[in-house]
Amino acid sequence: MCLSIPSKVVELHPDEQAVTVDTMGVKRKVSSHLLAEPLALDDYVLIHIGFVMNKIDKQDAMESLALYQEIVSKLEQEEREA
């Protein structure tokens, strides 16, 4: 099973067909070779093994990120209580 967290495009590398994304504060460069449509700064994407798989709606991305943050917060709270 693969869990893909929405990532925000923060830098474009058109000469490399790549973009730098921010995934909950972690930045990394990923390939956009598999995506037919062009990407722009502030787009939200889903990534699998270093490749952008698709672009997603900003509202959907924000809702997903809020849920992921809630999960992380609950896990951190459980660790503190253990």
N, C-alpha and C. Protein backbone atom coordinates (compact mmCIF):
# COMPACT_ATOMS: atom_id res chain seq x y z
N MET A 1 0.84 -1.18 0.00
CA MET A 1 0.00 0.00 0.00
C MET A 1 0.88 1.23 0.00
N CYS A 2 0.51 2.21 -0.78
CA CYS A 2 1.27 3.45 -0.88
C CYS A 2 0.44 4.60 -0.33
N LEU A 3 1.06 5.39 0.51
CA LEU A 3 0.41 6.57 1.08
C LEU A 3 1.03 7.79 0.43
N SER A 4 0.27 8.52 -0.34
CA SER A 4 0.80 9.69 -1.03
C SER A 4 0.25 10.95 -0.38
N ILE A 5 1.16 11.76 0.14
CA ILE A 5 0.79 13.00 0.80
C ILE A 5 0.88 14.14 -0.22
N PRO A 6 -0.11 14.99 -0.30
CA PRO A 6 -0.04 16.11 -1.24
C PRO A 6 1.21 16.95 -1.00
N SER A 7 1.86 17.31 -2.09
CA SER A 7 3.09 18.08 -2.03
C SER A 7 2.94 19.34 -2.87
N LYS A 8 3.47 20.44 -2.38
CA LYS A 8 3.36 21.73 -3.07
C LYS A 8 4.60 21.98 -3.91
N VAL A 9 4.41 22.37 -5.16
CA VAL A 9 5.53 22.70 -6.03
C VAL A 9 6.10 24.05 -5.60
N VAL A 10 7.40 24.05 -5.25
CA VAL A 10 8.03 25.28 -4.77
C VAL A 10 9.15 25.76 -5.68
N GLU A 11 9.58 24.92 -6.62
CA GLU A 11 10.62 25.32 -7.56
C GLU A 11 10.48 24.49 -8.83
N LEU A 12 10.70 25.13 -9.97
CA LEU A 12 10.61 24.45 -11.27
C LEU A 12 12.01 24.24 -11.84
N HIS A 13 12.22 23.08 -12.46
CA HIS A 13 13.48 22.75 -13.13
C HIS A 13 13.14 22.23 -14.52
N PRO A 14 12.67 23.11 -15.42
CA PRO A 14 12.19 22.66 -16.74
C PRO A 14 13.26 21.98 -17.58
N ASP A 15 14.51 22.39 -17.43
CA ASP A 15 15.59 21.77 -18.21
C ASP A 15 15.83 20.32 -17.80
N GLU A 16 15.39 19.94 -16.59
CA GLU A 16 15.54 18.58 -16.09
C GLU A 16 14.22 17.81 -16.06
N GLN A 17 13.14 18.44 -16.48
CA GLN A 17 11.79 17.88 -16.33
C GLN A 17 11.57 17.42 -14.89
N ALA A 18 11.82 18.36 -13.97
CA ALA A 18 11.71 18.08 -12.54
C ALA A 18 11.17 19.31 -11.82
N VAL A 19 10.72 19.08 -10.61
CA VAL A 19 10.27 20.15 -9.73
C VAL A 19 10.75 19.85 -8.32
N THR A 20 10.88 20.90 -7.52
CA THR A 20 11.13 20.70 -6.10
C THR A 20 9.78 20.88 -5.41
N VAL A 21 9.48 19.95 -4.51
CA VAL A 21 8.21 19.99 -3.79
C VAL A 21 8.45 20.08 -2.30
N ASP A 22 7.45 20.59 -1.60
CA ASP A 22 7.46 20.64 -0.15
C ASP A 22 6.36 19.71 0.33
N THR A 23 6.77 18.69 1.06
CA THR A 23 5.83 17.72 1.61
C THR A 23 5.86 17.84 3.13
N MET A 24 4.93 18.58 3.68
CA MET A 24 4.83 18.80 5.11
C MET A 24 6.17 19.25 5.70
N GLY A 25 6.81 20.21 5.01
CA GLY A 25 8.06 20.77 5.51
C GLY A 25 9.33 20.12 4.99
N VAL A 26 9.21 19.01 4.29
CA VAL A 26 10.38 18.33 3.73
C VAL A 26 10.44 18.63 2.23
N LYS A 27 11.57 19.20 1.79
CA LYS A 27 11.70 19.55 0.38
C LYS A 27 12.57 18.52 -0.33
N ARG A 28 12.16 18.20 -1.58
CA ARG A 28 12.96 17.28 -2.40
C ARG A 28 12.63 17.50 -3.86
N LYS A 29 13.60 17.15 -4.71
CA LYS A 29 13.42 17.27 -6.14
C LYS A 29 12.85 15.95 -6.66
N VAL A 30 11.80 16.04 -7.50
CA VAL A 30 11.17 14.86 -8.08
C VAL A 30 10.99 15.06 -9.59
N SER A 31 10.85 13.97 -10.28
CA SER A 31 10.71 14.01 -11.74
C SER A 31 9.27 14.30 -12.15
N SER A 32 9.13 15.10 -13.20
CA SER A 32 7.80 15.34 -13.76
C SER A 32 7.67 14.72 -15.15
N HIS A 33 8.56 13.76 -15.49
CA HIS A 33 8.56 13.10 -16.79
C HIS A 33 7.23 12.42 -17.12
N LEU A 34 6.54 11.89 -16.13
CA LEU A 34 5.33 11.11 -16.38
C LEU A 34 4.07 11.96 -16.49
N LEU A 35 4.17 13.24 -16.21
CA LEU A 35 2.99 14.11 -16.22
C LEU A 35 2.92 14.87 -17.55
N ALA A 36 1.81 14.75 -18.23
CA ALA A 36 1.64 15.39 -19.53
C ALA A 36 1.42 16.90 -19.41
N GLU A 37 0.69 17.32 -18.39
CA GLU A 37 0.38 18.74 -18.26
C GLU A 37 1.51 19.48 -17.55
N PRO A 38 1.72 20.75 -17.89
CA PRO A 38 2.79 21.52 -17.24
C PRO A 38 2.43 21.85 -15.79
N LEU A 39 3.46 22.00 -14.98
CA LEU A 39 3.26 22.37 -13.59
C LEU A 39 3.70 23.81 -13.38
N ALA A 40 3.11 24.44 -12.37
CA ALA A 40 3.45 25.82 -12.02
C ALA A 40 3.74 25.88 -10.52
N LEU A 41 4.39 26.94 -10.11
CA LEU A 41 4.62 27.15 -8.68
C LEU A 41 3.28 27.14 -7.96
N ASP A 42 3.25 26.57 -6.78
CA ASP A 42 2.08 26.49 -5.90
C ASP A 42 1.06 25.44 -6.32
N ASP A 43 1.33 24.67 -7.39
CA ASP A 43 0.47 23.52 -7.71
C ASP A 43 0.67 22.46 -6.64
N TYR A 44 -0.34 21.63 -6.46
CA TYR A 44 -0.24 20.49 -5.55
C TYR A 44 -0.24 19.21 -6.37
N VAL A 45 0.64 18.29 -5.99
CA VAL A 45 0.81 17.05 -6.73
C VAL A 45 0.88 15.86 -5.78
N LEU A 46 0.68 14.67 -6.35
CA LEU A 46 0.90 13.43 -5.64
C LEU A 46 2.10 12.75 -6.27
N ILE A 47 2.95 12.17 -5.43
CA ILE A 47 4.21 11.59 -5.88
C ILE A 47 4.26 10.12 -5.51
N HIS A 48 4.88 9.33 -6.39
CA HIS A 48 5.13 7.91 -6.12
C HIS A 48 6.55 7.59 -6.59
N ILE A 49 7.34 7.07 -5.70
CA ILE A 49 8.75 6.70 -5.93
C ILE A 49 9.53 7.75 -6.73
N GLY A 50 9.38 9.00 -6.36
CA GLY A 50 10.16 10.06 -6.97
C GLY A 50 9.60 10.65 -8.25
N PHE A 51 8.39 10.26 -8.63
CA PHE A 51 7.76 10.77 -9.85
C PHE A 51 6.43 11.42 -9.52
N VAL A 52 6.17 12.59 -10.11
CA VAL A 52 4.85 13.21 -9.99
C VAL A 52 3.88 12.33 -10.78
N MET A 53 2.83 11.88 -10.11
CA MET A 53 1.84 11.02 -10.76
C MET A 53 0.65 11.81 -11.27
N ASN A 54 0.23 12.83 -10.50
CA ASN A 54 -0.86 13.68 -10.95
C ASN A 54 -0.93 14.97 -10.15
N LYS A 55 -1.57 15.94 -10.75
CA LYS A 55 -1.82 17.23 -10.11
C LYS A 55 -3.18 17.15 -9.44
N ILE A 56 -3.31 17.76 -8.26
CA ILE A 56 -4.59 17.72 -7.56
C ILE A 56 -5.05 19.13 -7.22
N ASP A 57 -6.32 19.24 -6.97
CA ASP A 57 -6.96 20.50 -6.60
C ASP A 57 -6.43 21.00 -5.26
N LYS A 58 -6.20 22.30 -5.16
CA LYS A 58 -5.65 22.88 -3.93
C LYS A 58 -6.55 22.61 -2.72
N GLN A 59 -7.85 22.74 -2.88
CA GLN A 59 -8.76 22.52 -1.75
C GLN A 59 -8.67 21.07 -1.27
N ASP A 60 -8.64 20.11 -2.20
CA ASP A 60 -8.49 18.70 -1.81
C ASP A 60 -7.16 18.47 -1.10
N ALA A 61 -6.10 19.10 -1.61
CA ALA A 61 -4.78 18.97 -0.99
C ALA A 61 -4.81 19.51 0.44
N MET A 62 -5.41 20.67 0.64
CA MET A 62 -5.45 21.27 1.97
C MET A 62 -6.25 20.41 2.95
N GLU A 63 -7.36 19.83 2.48
CA GLU A 63 -8.16 18.95 3.34
C GLU A 63 -7.35 17.71 3.72
N SER A 64 -6.65 17.12 2.77
CA SER A 64 -5.82 15.95 3.05
C SER A 64 -4.70 16.29 4.02
N LEU A 65 -4.03 17.42 3.79
CA LEU A 65 -2.94 17.82 4.68
C LEU A 65 -3.43 18.05 6.11
N ALA A 66 -4.61 18.61 6.25
CA ALA A 66 -5.18 18.82 7.59
C ALA A 66 -5.41 17.48 8.29
N LEU A 67 -5.90 16.50 7.54
CA LEU A 67 -6.12 15.17 8.12
C LEU A 67 -4.80 14.51 8.51
N TYR A 68 -3.80 14.61 7.64
CA TYR A 68 -2.48 14.04 7.95
C TYR A 68 -1.90 14.70 9.19
N GLN A 69 -2.03 16.01 9.30
CA GLN A 69 -1.51 16.71 10.47
C GLN A 69 -2.22 16.26 11.74
N GLU A 70 -3.52 16.02 11.64
CA GLU A 70 -4.29 15.52 12.78
C GLU A 70 -3.77 14.14 13.20
N ILE A 71 -3.50 13.29 12.24
CA ILE A 71 -2.97 11.95 12.53
C ILE A 71 -1.61 12.06 13.21
N VAL A 72 -0.74 12.90 12.68
CA VAL A 72 0.60 13.08 13.26
C VAL A 72 0.48 13.59 14.69
N SER A 73 -0.39 14.55 14.93
CA SER A 73 -0.57 15.10 16.27
C SER A 73 -1.05 14.03 17.25
N LYS A 74 -1.99 13.20 16.82
CA LYS A 74 -2.50 12.14 17.69
C LYS A 74 -1.42 11.10 17.99
N LEU A 75 -0.63 10.75 16.99
CA LEU A 75 0.45 9.79 17.21
C LEU A 75 1.49 10.35 18.16
N GLU A 76 1.82 11.63 18.01
CA GLU A 76 2.78 12.26 18.92
C GLU A 76 2.24 12.29 20.34
N GLN A 77 0.96 12.57 20.50
CA GLN A 77 0.33 12.60 21.82
C GLN A 77 0.38 11.20 22.45
N GLU A 78 0.07 10.16 21.66
CA GLU A 78 0.12 8.79 22.17
C GLU A 78 1.53 8.42 22.61
N GLU A 79 2.54 8.85 21.87
CA GLU A 79 3.93 8.57 22.25
C GLU A 79 4.29 9.25 23.56
N ARG A 80 3.83 10.48 23.74
CA ARG A 80 4.13 11.20 24.99
C ARG A 80 3.46 10.52 26.17
N GLU A 81 2.26 9.98 25.96
CA GLU A 81 1.51 9.34 27.06
C GLU A 81 2.04 7.95 27.39
N ALA A 82 2.76 7.35 26.45
CA ALA A 82 3.26 5.97 26.67
C ALA A 82 4.49 5.97 27.57
